[in-house]
Structures are given as structure tokens and as C-alpha cells.
N, C-alpha and C. Protein backbone atom coordinates (compact mmCIF):
# COMPACT_ATOMS: atom_id res chain seq x y z
N MET A 1 1.87 9.28 -14.45
CA MET A 1 3.22 9.05 -14.49
C MET A 1 3.73 8.88 -12.89
N LEU A 2 4.77 8.14 -12.81
CA LEU A 2 5.04 7.57 -11.16
C LEU A 2 6.23 9.07 -10.60
N ALA A 3 5.65 9.26 -9.70
CA ALA A 3 6.65 9.97 -8.59
C ALA A 3 6.87 10.01 -7.38
N LYS A 4 8.61 9.97 -7.10
CA LYS A 4 8.70 9.69 -5.08
C LYS A 4 8.02 10.95 -5.01
N LEU A 5 7.73 10.83 -3.00
CA LEU A 5 6.61 11.91 -2.17
C LEU A 5 7.75 12.80 -2.43
N GLY A 6 6.77 13.72 -2.14
CA GLY A 6 7.69 15.13 -2.38
C GLY A 6 6.63 15.92 -1.45
N PRO A 7 6.80 17.12 -0.33
CA PRO A 7 5.71 17.91 0.87
C PRO A 7 4.30 18.28 -0.32
N HIS A 8 4.47 18.68 -1.68
CA HIS A 8 3.54 18.98 -2.80
C HIS A 8 2.30 17.66 -2.93
N HIS A 9 2.52 16.57 -2.15
CA HIS A 9 2.11 15.21 -2.19
C HIS A 9 0.99 15.62 -0.76
N ARG A 10 1.55 16.22 0.34
CA ARG A 10 0.95 16.05 1.33
C ARG A 10 -0.67 16.05 1.42
N ALA A 11 -1.19 17.02 1.26
CA ALA A 11 -2.64 17.62 1.23
C ALA A 11 -3.43 16.60 -0.01
N LYS A 12 -2.84 16.51 -1.06
CA LYS A 12 -3.52 15.22 -2.12
C LYS A 12 -3.22 14.44 -1.48
N LEU A 13 -2.39 13.46 -1.16
CA LEU A 13 -2.56 12.12 -0.46
C LEU A 13 -3.63 12.44 1.09
N ALA A 14 -3.76 13.36 1.87
CA ALA A 14 -5.11 13.59 2.79
C ALA A 14 -6.38 13.56 1.76
N SER A 15 -6.40 13.98 1.17
CA SER A 15 -7.62 14.15 0.28
C SER A 15 -8.58 13.11 -0.27
N LEU A 16 -7.66 12.35 -0.97
CA LEU A 16 -7.29 11.11 -1.83
C LEU A 16 -7.43 10.02 -0.46
N LEU A 17 -7.53 9.48 0.64
CA LEU A 17 -7.26 8.85 1.78
C LEU A 17 -9.06 8.85 2.30
N ALA A 18 -9.43 10.84 3.06
CA ALA A 18 -10.13 11.15 3.64
C ALA A 18 -11.77 10.74 2.43
N GLN A 19 -11.08 10.37 1.35
CA GLN A 19 -12.50 9.97 0.07
C GLN A 19 -12.45 8.80 0.00
N THR A 20 -10.98 8.01 0.67
CA THR A 20 -11.58 6.29 0.31
C THR A 20 -12.59 6.06 1.37
N PRO A 21 -13.28 5.15 0.63
CA PRO A 21 -14.60 4.86 1.65
C PRO A 21 -14.50 3.85 2.28
N GLU A 22 -13.74 2.90 2.25
CA GLU A 22 -13.37 1.84 2.76
C GLU A 22 -12.28 2.02 4.04
N PHE A 23 -11.79 3.52 4.29
CA PHE A 23 -11.10 3.58 5.38
C PHE A 23 -11.49 4.05 6.14
N THR A 24 -11.72 4.27 7.73
CA THR A 24 -12.20 4.67 8.72
C THR A 24 -11.41 6.01 9.05
N ARG A 25 -11.43 6.48 10.09
CA ARG A 25 -11.21 8.19 10.13
C ARG A 25 -9.61 7.63 11.02
N ALA A 26 -9.30 6.49 11.90
CA ALA A 26 -8.06 5.98 12.25
C ALA A 26 -7.24 5.68 11.18
N GLU A 27 -7.94 4.66 10.50
CA GLU A 27 -6.52 4.52 9.59
C GLU A 27 -6.31 5.43 8.52
N VAL A 28 -6.96 6.34 8.07
CA VAL A 28 -6.17 7.60 7.76
C VAL A 28 -5.35 8.12 8.58
N ASP A 29 -5.79 8.21 9.47
CA ASP A 29 -5.16 8.67 11.08
C ASP A 29 -3.37 8.25 10.86
N VAL A 30 -3.30 7.23 10.69
CA VAL A 30 -2.47 6.01 10.54
C VAL A 30 -1.15 6.36 9.68
N ALA A 31 -2.00 6.10 8.15
CA ALA A 31 -1.64 6.50 6.41
C ALA A 31 -0.88 7.93 7.07
N LEU A 32 -1.49 8.78 6.97
CA LEU A 32 -0.73 10.29 7.22
C LEU A 32 0.73 10.28 8.25
N GLU A 33 0.40 9.51 9.23
CA GLU A 33 1.32 9.27 10.34
C GLU A 33 2.84 9.27 9.30
N LEU A 34 2.42 7.85 8.13
CA LEU A 34 3.48 6.87 7.63
C LEU A 34 3.98 8.47 6.55
N VAL A 35 3.20 9.04 6.06
CA VAL A 35 3.62 10.13 5.17
C VAL A 35 4.63 10.97 5.51
N ASP A 36 4.10 11.64 6.66
CA ASP A 36 4.38 12.47 7.67
C ASP A 36 5.90 11.65 7.66
N ALA A 37 6.07 10.62 8.46
CA ALA A 37 7.47 10.48 8.78
C ALA A 37 8.41 10.41 7.58
N ALA A 38 7.56 9.80 6.68
CA ALA A 38 9.00 9.77 5.39
C ALA A 38 8.96 11.36 5.08
N LEU A 39 8.18 12.72 5.22
CA LEU A 39 8.36 13.49 4.37
C LEU A 39 9.01 14.15 5.57
N ALA A 40 9.46 14.08 6.99
CA ALA A 40 10.54 14.07 7.62
C ALA A 40 11.76 13.72 7.35
N ASP A 41 11.77 12.88 7.27
CA ASP A 41 13.23 12.54 6.65
C ASP A 41 13.60 11.23 5.79
N PRO A 42 13.78 12.20 4.52
CA PRO A 42 13.06 11.45 3.45
C PRO A 42 14.55 10.23 2.82
N SER A 43 15.82 10.58 3.63
CA SER A 43 16.68 9.38 3.48
C SER A 43 16.33 8.23 4.62
N ALA A 44 14.96 8.28 4.95
CA ALA A 44 14.83 6.95 5.77
C ALA A 44 14.53 6.23 4.90
N ASP A 45 14.54 4.59 4.95
CA ASP A 45 14.43 3.95 4.30
C ASP A 45 12.80 3.31 4.75
N ASP A 46 12.69 3.19 6.43
CA ASP A 46 11.34 2.76 6.82
C ASP A 46 9.79 2.84 6.01
N TYR A 47 9.77 3.84 5.45
CA TYR A 47 8.56 3.87 4.68
C TYR A 47 8.82 4.82 3.21
N ARG A 48 8.50 4.20 2.34
CA ARG A 48 8.88 4.39 0.91
C ARG A 48 7.62 4.87 0.05
N PHE A 49 7.41 5.65 -1.06
CA PHE A 49 6.38 6.17 -1.48
C PHE A 49 6.74 6.00 -3.22
N VAL A 50 5.99 5.20 -3.22
CA VAL A 50 5.66 6.21 -5.31
C VAL A 50 4.38 6.14 -4.93
N VAL A 51 4.16 7.36 -6.03
CA VAL A 51 2.82 8.10 -6.30
C VAL A 51 2.59 8.41 -7.49
N ALA A 52 1.50 8.02 -7.92
CA ALA A 52 0.87 7.93 -9.25
C ALA A 52 0.00 9.37 -9.31
N GLU A 53 0.58 10.10 -10.13
CA GLU A 53 -0.12 11.30 -10.96
C GLU A 53 -0.30 11.05 -12.29
N ASP A 54 -1.69 12.09 -12.80
CA ASP A 54 -1.67 12.53 -13.66
C ASP A 54 -2.11 14.24 -14.02
N GLY A 55 -0.70 14.87 -14.34
CA GLY A 55 -0.93 16.15 -13.88
C GLY A 55 -0.28 16.15 -12.87
N GLU A 56 -1.46 17.46 -12.55
CA GLU A 56 -1.08 17.51 -10.73
C GLU A 56 -2.75 16.79 -10.01
N THR A 57 -2.79 15.80 -10.45
CA THR A 57 -4.25 15.34 -9.57
C THR A 57 -2.98 13.78 -9.28
N VAL A 58 -3.13 13.58 -8.14
CA VAL A 58 -2.81 12.08 -7.65
C VAL A 58 -3.88 11.09 -7.53
N LEU A 59 -3.78 10.01 -8.42
CA LEU A 59 -4.45 8.75 -8.57
C LEU A 59 -4.33 7.93 -7.90
N GLY A 60 -2.89 7.73 -6.94
CA GLY A 60 -2.76 7.07 -6.10
C GLY A 60 -1.46 6.65 -5.46
N TYR A 61 -1.42 6.02 -4.73
CA TYR A 61 0.08 5.92 -3.95
C TYR A 61 0.32 4.44 -3.05
N ALA A 62 1.12 3.84 -3.28
CA ALA A 62 1.79 2.85 -2.37
C ALA A 62 3.22 3.62 -1.41
N CYS A 63 3.07 3.27 -0.41
CA CYS A 63 4.12 2.59 0.42
C CYS A 63 4.43 1.39 0.92
N PHE A 64 5.84 1.49 1.33
CA PHE A 64 6.66 -0.08 1.36
C PHE A 64 7.35 -0.14 2.41
N GLY A 65 8.30 -0.83 3.18
CA GLY A 65 9.51 -0.53 3.52
C GLY A 65 9.78 -1.98 4.09
N SER A 66 11.43 -2.49 4.40
CA SER A 66 11.83 -3.38 4.88
C SER A 66 10.87 -3.95 6.24
N THR A 67 10.75 -4.93 5.99
CA THR A 67 10.38 -5.56 7.64
C THR A 67 11.42 -6.45 8.13
N PRO A 68 11.38 -5.28 9.75
CA PRO A 68 12.33 -5.65 10.71
C PRO A 68 12.66 -7.11 11.02
N MET A 69 14.18 -6.91 11.36
CA MET A 69 14.69 -8.57 11.68
C MET A 69 14.20 -9.20 10.40
N THR A 70 14.21 -9.08 9.03
CA THR A 70 14.27 -10.30 8.45
C THR A 70 15.20 -9.86 7.04
N GLU A 71 15.29 -10.93 6.06
CA GLU A 71 16.62 -10.29 5.12
C GLU A 71 16.07 -10.65 3.54
N GLY A 72 15.40 -9.09 3.08
CA GLY A 72 15.14 -9.58 2.04
C GLY A 72 13.34 -9.55 1.75
N CYS A 73 12.85 -8.89 2.98
CA CYS A 73 11.37 -9.31 3.35
C CYS A 73 11.04 -7.74 3.46
N PHE A 74 9.65 -7.31 2.66
CA PHE A 74 9.28 -6.64 2.82
C PHE A 74 8.15 -6.00 2.70
N ASP A 75 7.45 -5.60 3.93
CA ASP A 75 5.79 -4.98 3.81
C ASP A 75 5.13 -4.01 2.46
N LEU A 76 4.37 -4.01 2.17
CA LEU A 76 3.38 -3.44 1.43
C LEU A 76 2.29 -3.19 2.45
N TYR A 77 2.78 -1.94 3.06
CA TYR A 77 1.50 -0.94 4.11
C TYR A 77 0.40 0.07 3.34
N TRP A 78 0.75 -0.23 2.37
CA TRP A 78 -0.34 0.96 1.95
C TRP A 78 -0.93 0.76 -0.06
N LEU A 79 -1.89 0.52 0.05
CA LEU A 79 -2.20 0.92 -1.67
C LEU A 79 -3.67 1.43 -1.94
N VAL A 80 -3.44 2.59 -2.53
CA VAL A 80 -4.46 3.34 -2.14
C VAL A 80 -4.61 4.22 -3.55
N VAL A 81 -5.97 3.49 -4.20
CA VAL A 81 -6.15 4.13 -5.35
C VAL A 81 -7.47 4.87 -5.13
N GLY A 82 -7.77 6.50 -6.24
CA GLY A 82 -9.12 7.17 -6.08
C GLY A 82 -9.47 6.31 -6.75
N GLN A 83 -11.27 6.80 -6.13
CA GLN A 83 -11.92 6.07 -6.48
C GLN A 83 -12.63 5.68 -8.54
N ALA A 84 -12.03 7.12 -8.81
CA ALA A 84 -12.17 7.68 -10.62
C ALA A 84 -11.28 7.13 -11.15
N ALA A 85 -10.31 6.28 -10.28
CA ALA A 85 -8.59 5.88 -11.16
C ALA A 85 -8.57 4.13 -10.78
N ARG A 86 -9.91 3.71 -10.35
CA ARG A 86 -9.93 2.19 -10.55
C ARG A 86 -9.85 1.67 -11.46
N ARG A 87 -9.32 0.22 -11.55
CA ARG A 87 -9.86 -0.33 -12.79
C ARG A 87 -9.53 0.24 -14.54
N LEU A 88 -8.57 0.99 -13.94
CA LEU A 88 -8.01 1.22 -15.05
C LEU A 88 -6.16 1.10 -14.95
N GLY A 89 -5.79 0.06 -14.44
CA GLY A 89 -3.98 0.08 -14.00
C GLY A 89 -3.92 0.65 -13.46
N VAL A 90 -3.89 1.37 -12.71
CA VAL A 90 -3.39 2.22 -11.30
C VAL A 90 -2.28 1.34 -10.58
N GLY A 91 -3.69 0.42 -9.91
CA GLY A 91 -2.73 -0.23 -8.56
C GLY A 91 -1.77 -1.25 -9.25
N ARG A 92 -2.22 -1.45 -10.31
CA ARG A 92 -1.21 -2.48 -11.09
C ARG A 92 -0.14 -2.06 -11.88
N GLU A 93 -0.13 -0.85 -12.26
CA GLU A 93 1.38 -0.29 -12.14
C GLU A 93 2.39 0.42 -10.83
N LEU A 94 1.45 0.47 -9.87
CA LEU A 94 1.98 0.74 -8.53
C LEU A 94 2.30 -0.75 -8.26
N MET A 95 1.98 -1.62 -8.38
CA MET A 95 2.28 -3.04 -7.49
C MET A 95 3.90 -3.24 -8.28
N ALA A 96 3.57 -2.55 -10.08
CA ALA A 96 4.89 -3.08 -10.85
C ALA A 96 6.05 -2.41 -10.50
N ALA A 97 5.89 -0.97 -10.11
CA ALA A 97 6.88 -0.30 -10.03
C ALA A 97 7.50 -0.73 -8.27
N VAL A 98 6.21 -1.16 -7.53
CA VAL A 98 7.19 -1.12 -5.82
C VAL A 98 8.07 -2.37 -6.26
N GLU A 99 6.62 -3.66 -6.70
CA GLU A 99 8.37 -4.82 -6.57
C GLU A 99 9.62 -4.80 -7.69
N GLY A 100 9.51 -3.71 -8.13
CA GLY A 100 10.62 -3.45 -9.55
C GLY A 100 11.21 -2.66 -8.61
N VAL A 101 11.70 -2.51 -7.90
CA VAL A 101 12.70 -1.79 -6.86
C VAL A 101 13.13 -2.75 -6.18
N LEU A 102 11.86 -3.33 -5.32
CA LEU A 102 12.46 -4.35 -4.50
C LEU A 102 13.11 -5.31 -5.13
N ARG A 103 12.77 -6.14 -6.38
CA ARG A 103 13.53 -6.61 -6.89
C ARG A 103 14.92 -6.40 -7.51
N ASP A 104 15.49 -5.10 -7.94
CA ASP A 104 16.46 -4.56 -7.85
C ASP A 104 17.83 -4.83 -6.53
N GLU A 105 16.73 -4.68 -5.22
CA GLU A 105 17.34 -4.70 -4.07
C GLU A 105 17.42 -5.54 -3.60
N GLY A 106 16.91 -6.94 -4.51
CA GLY A 106 17.57 -8.08 -3.84
C GLY A 106 16.08 -8.93 -3.30
N ALA A 107 15.40 -8.31 -2.80
CA ALA A 107 13.83 -8.53 -2.08
C ALA A 107 13.73 -10.08 -2.15
N ARG A 108 13.16 -10.62 -1.53
CA ARG A 108 12.91 -11.74 -1.62
C ARG A 108 11.02 -12.09 -1.44
N ILE A 109 10.28 -11.59 -0.45
CA ILE A 109 9.61 -11.85 -0.48
C ILE A 109 8.41 -10.40 -0.18
N VAL A 110 7.00 -10.09 -0.83
CA VAL A 110 6.69 -9.08 -0.24
C VAL A 110 5.27 -9.68 0.24
N ARG A 111 4.59 -9.02 1.84
CA ARG A 111 3.66 -9.18 2.34
C ARG A 111 3.20 -8.07 2.46
N VAL A 112 1.56 -8.63 2.63
CA VAL A 112 0.68 -7.59 2.63
C VAL A 112 -0.49 -7.81 3.37
N GLU A 113 -0.71 -6.87 4.37
CA GLU A 113 -1.96 -7.66 5.58
C GLU A 113 -2.59 -6.47 5.01
N THR A 114 -4.47 -7.57 4.72
CA THR A 114 -5.61 -6.23 4.45
C THR A 114 -6.54 -6.62 5.80
N ALA A 115 -7.85 -6.00 5.48
CA ALA A 115 -9.40 -6.41 6.41
C ALA A 115 -9.94 -7.29 5.48
N GLY A 116 -10.72 -8.25 6.66
CA GLY A 116 -11.74 -9.42 5.93
C GLY A 116 -12.96 -8.38 5.51
N LEU A 117 -13.20 -7.84 6.22
CA LEU A 117 -14.10 -6.98 5.99
C LEU A 117 -14.99 -6.89 4.38
N GLU A 118 -16.34 -7.31 3.79
CA GLU A 118 -17.21 -7.12 2.70
C GLU A 118 -16.25 -5.64 2.09
N SER A 119 -16.16 -4.52 1.93
CA SER A 119 -16.02 -3.37 1.53
C SER A 119 -14.32 -3.66 1.21
N TYR A 120 -13.85 -5.10 1.40
CA TYR A 120 -12.33 -5.16 0.59
C TYR A 120 -12.21 -6.08 0.32
N ALA A 121 -13.25 -7.05 -0.19
CA ALA A 121 -13.07 -7.70 -0.78
C ALA A 121 -12.88 -7.60 -2.45
N ALA A 122 -12.61 -6.60 -3.04
CA ALA A 122 -12.18 -6.08 -4.19
C ALA A 122 -10.23 -5.69 -3.62
N ALA A 123 -10.12 -5.45 -2.52
CA ALA A 123 -8.80 -5.46 -2.41
C ALA A 123 -8.00 -6.81 -2.30
N ARG A 124 -8.42 -7.63 -1.83
CA ARG A 124 -8.70 -9.21 -2.41
C ARG A 124 -8.24 -9.40 -2.85
N ALA A 125 -9.19 -9.02 -3.92
CA ALA A 125 -9.47 -9.95 -5.02
C ALA A 125 -8.04 -9.47 -6.28
N PHE A 126 -8.26 -8.13 -6.25
CA PHE A 126 -6.93 -7.25 -6.56
C PHE A 126 -5.43 -8.22 -6.61
N TYR A 127 -4.86 -8.04 -5.01
CA TYR A 127 -3.76 -9.04 -4.52
C TYR A 127 -3.86 -10.27 -5.58
N GLU A 128 -4.86 -11.49 -5.23
CA GLU A 128 -4.51 -12.47 -5.90
C GLU A 128 -4.50 -12.35 -7.45
N ARG A 129 -5.19 -10.95 -7.89
CA ARG A 129 -4.76 -11.46 -9.68
C ARG A 129 -3.59 -10.74 -9.74
N VAL A 130 -2.32 -10.10 -8.98
CA VAL A 130 -1.49 -10.08 -9.32
C VAL A 130 -0.50 -10.76 -8.47
N GLY A 131 -0.99 -11.89 -8.37
CA GLY A 131 -0.19 -13.20 -7.94
C GLY A 131 0.08 -13.07 -6.66
N TYR A 132 -0.25 -12.27 -5.79
CA TYR A 132 -0.32 -12.75 -4.43
C TYR A 132 -1.13 -13.74 -3.35
N GLY A 133 -0.60 -14.88 -2.62
CA GLY A 133 -1.58 -16.15 -2.78
C GLY A 133 -1.33 -15.73 -1.03
N ILE A 134 -2.55 -16.22 -0.33
CA ILE A 134 -3.26 -16.16 1.30
C ILE A 134 -1.83 -17.13 2.07
N SER A 135 -1.23 -16.57 2.59
CA SER A 135 -0.56 -17.37 3.55
C SER A 135 -1.21 -17.12 4.84
N GLY A 136 -2.23 -16.78 5.38
CA GLY A 136 -2.61 -16.36 6.73
C GLY A 136 -4.20 -15.55 6.65
N ARG A 137 -5.06 -16.00 7.94
CA ARG A 137 -5.61 -15.25 8.13
C ARG A 137 -6.43 -15.55 9.58
N ILE A 138 -6.30 -14.24 10.26
CA ILE A 138 -6.80 -14.54 11.38
C ILE A 138 -8.15 -14.55 12.34
N ARG A 139 -9.04 -15.33 12.17
CA ARG A 139 -10.57 -14.70 12.51
C ARG A 139 -10.39 -13.20 13.58
N ASP A 140 -11.95 -12.99 13.47
CA ASP A 140 -12.08 -11.47 14.27
C ASP A 140 -10.63 -10.60 14.77
N PHE A 141 -9.63 -10.59 14.15
CA PHE A 141 -8.33 -9.51 14.45
C PHE A 141 -8.17 -8.46 14.53
N TYR A 142 -9.11 -7.31 13.94
CA TYR A 142 -9.04 -6.01 14.18
C TYR A 142 -10.64 -5.78 15.34
N TRP A 143 -12.02 -6.76 15.11
CA TRP A 143 -12.71 -6.79 16.13
C TRP A 143 -13.93 -8.28 15.48
N ARG A 144 -14.37 -8.26 16.53
CA ARG A 144 -15.01 -9.53 16.09
C ARG A 144 -15.67 -9.36 14.53
N GLY A 145 -15.67 -10.15 13.45
CA GLY A 145 -16.39 -10.06 12.54
C GLY A 145 -14.95 -9.42 11.22
N ASN A 146 -14.24 -9.26 11.60
CA ASN A 146 -13.03 -8.42 10.75
C ASN A 146 -11.51 -9.10 10.94
N ASP A 147 -11.79 -10.24 9.67
CA ASP A 147 -10.55 -10.94 9.74
C ASP A 147 -9.66 -10.30 9.02
N LEU A 148 -8.32 -10.36 9.91
CA LEU A 148 -6.89 -10.05 9.34
C LEU A 148 -6.57 -11.35 7.64
N PHE A 149 -6.40 -10.56 6.82
CA PHE A 149 -5.63 -11.69 5.67
C PHE A 149 -4.35 -11.20 5.32
N ILE A 150 -3.57 -12.50 5.14
CA ILE A 150 -2.49 -11.64 5.19
C ILE A 150 -1.75 -12.41 3.53
N TYR A 151 -1.28 -12.05 2.85
CA TYR A 151 -1.13 -12.34 1.44
C TYR A 151 0.28 -11.85 1.43
N THR A 152 1.34 -13.01 0.39
CA THR A 152 2.73 -12.81 0.10
C THR A 152 2.70 -13.41 -1.29
N LYS A 153 3.88 -12.63 -1.57
CA LYS A 153 4.33 -12.82 -3.19
C LYS A 153 5.69 -13.28 -3.49
N TYR A 154 6.23 -13.86 -3.80
CA TYR A 154 7.94 -14.72 -3.26
C TYR A 154 8.52 -13.76 -5.17
N LEU A 155 9.43 -12.62 -4.63
CA LEU A 155 9.83 -11.65 -6.18
C LEU A 155 11.60 -13.39 -6.54
N ASP A 156 11.90 -13.93 -5.89
CA ASP A 156 12.64 -14.72 -5.88
C ASP A 156 12.40 -16.19 -6.51
């Protein structure tokens, strides 16, 4: 089941993030800052969430928002699926939900940025499987040996 972010999700998302081996402590902290910002002002559109749940268990979530100073362009900030829920269609379900909301709002483009580390290879392959193409790569962006990959999908 998909749900909107609520205060009861905060601890579950923190746990999910902490248990995701690809993420550093700094990345977890940034992800939680976005959760906290969305919970502090639920009417704001900066950081929007879709949460995948199975009963009381959070399987994953997506965080997205409009790209400042653009028309119809959005960023997917986070797509997180718990290890036990991977390869079960949760990521696809979350992406479809995000893209459905954005299409309904007249979005044109969704942009995703991700790391070039080997531990992110599955994430990059996932984005390609769901129709995102590489539109840019910046070598050594995060640090030497960790490139930035930029993926885009045109919705219109």
C-alpha cells in the first residue's frame, strides 16, 4: 500500500535509511533533514513523499520535488527500498506513483542524480530499466573515483 508521509513514519524511515548499506552517515542525515522539513510543513511542496508499506512495515519511499527556476521539471531526491523488499516491484511501484502524480500536474521532466560507486550499480541499472536515460556524467564529482550520474525521463 502507498501512503503519504506522516509523523508516525519518521522513526521507520530513519531505521530504513540506517539499514541501507549503500548510504553513508552523512547521506542518512541529509535524507532525514528532508523528512523533517516535510513533516514540519506538510503544506509545502519542496519535498514530497510516497511511502510503500506492508501493514506496519515500511518497505521503501520516494522523495521528490520541483526543480527551482524551471517549468515542469522535477527532481527525484531519494528512492529507498529496504533490502528485504528489493526485486519485489516496490521500486517500480514507487516510481510509477511519483510519475503518475507528476504527469497529472503537467510535469515534463524528472531528473535523478546518483553516485558512480560500484555499490550504486544496481540503482543505476534500475533507473535505466524504468526508462531513465543517462543525460550526464561528471567524473570524480563526489570524490575521486565517485562520479555523478544524471538520469532523466521525459514525461510528455
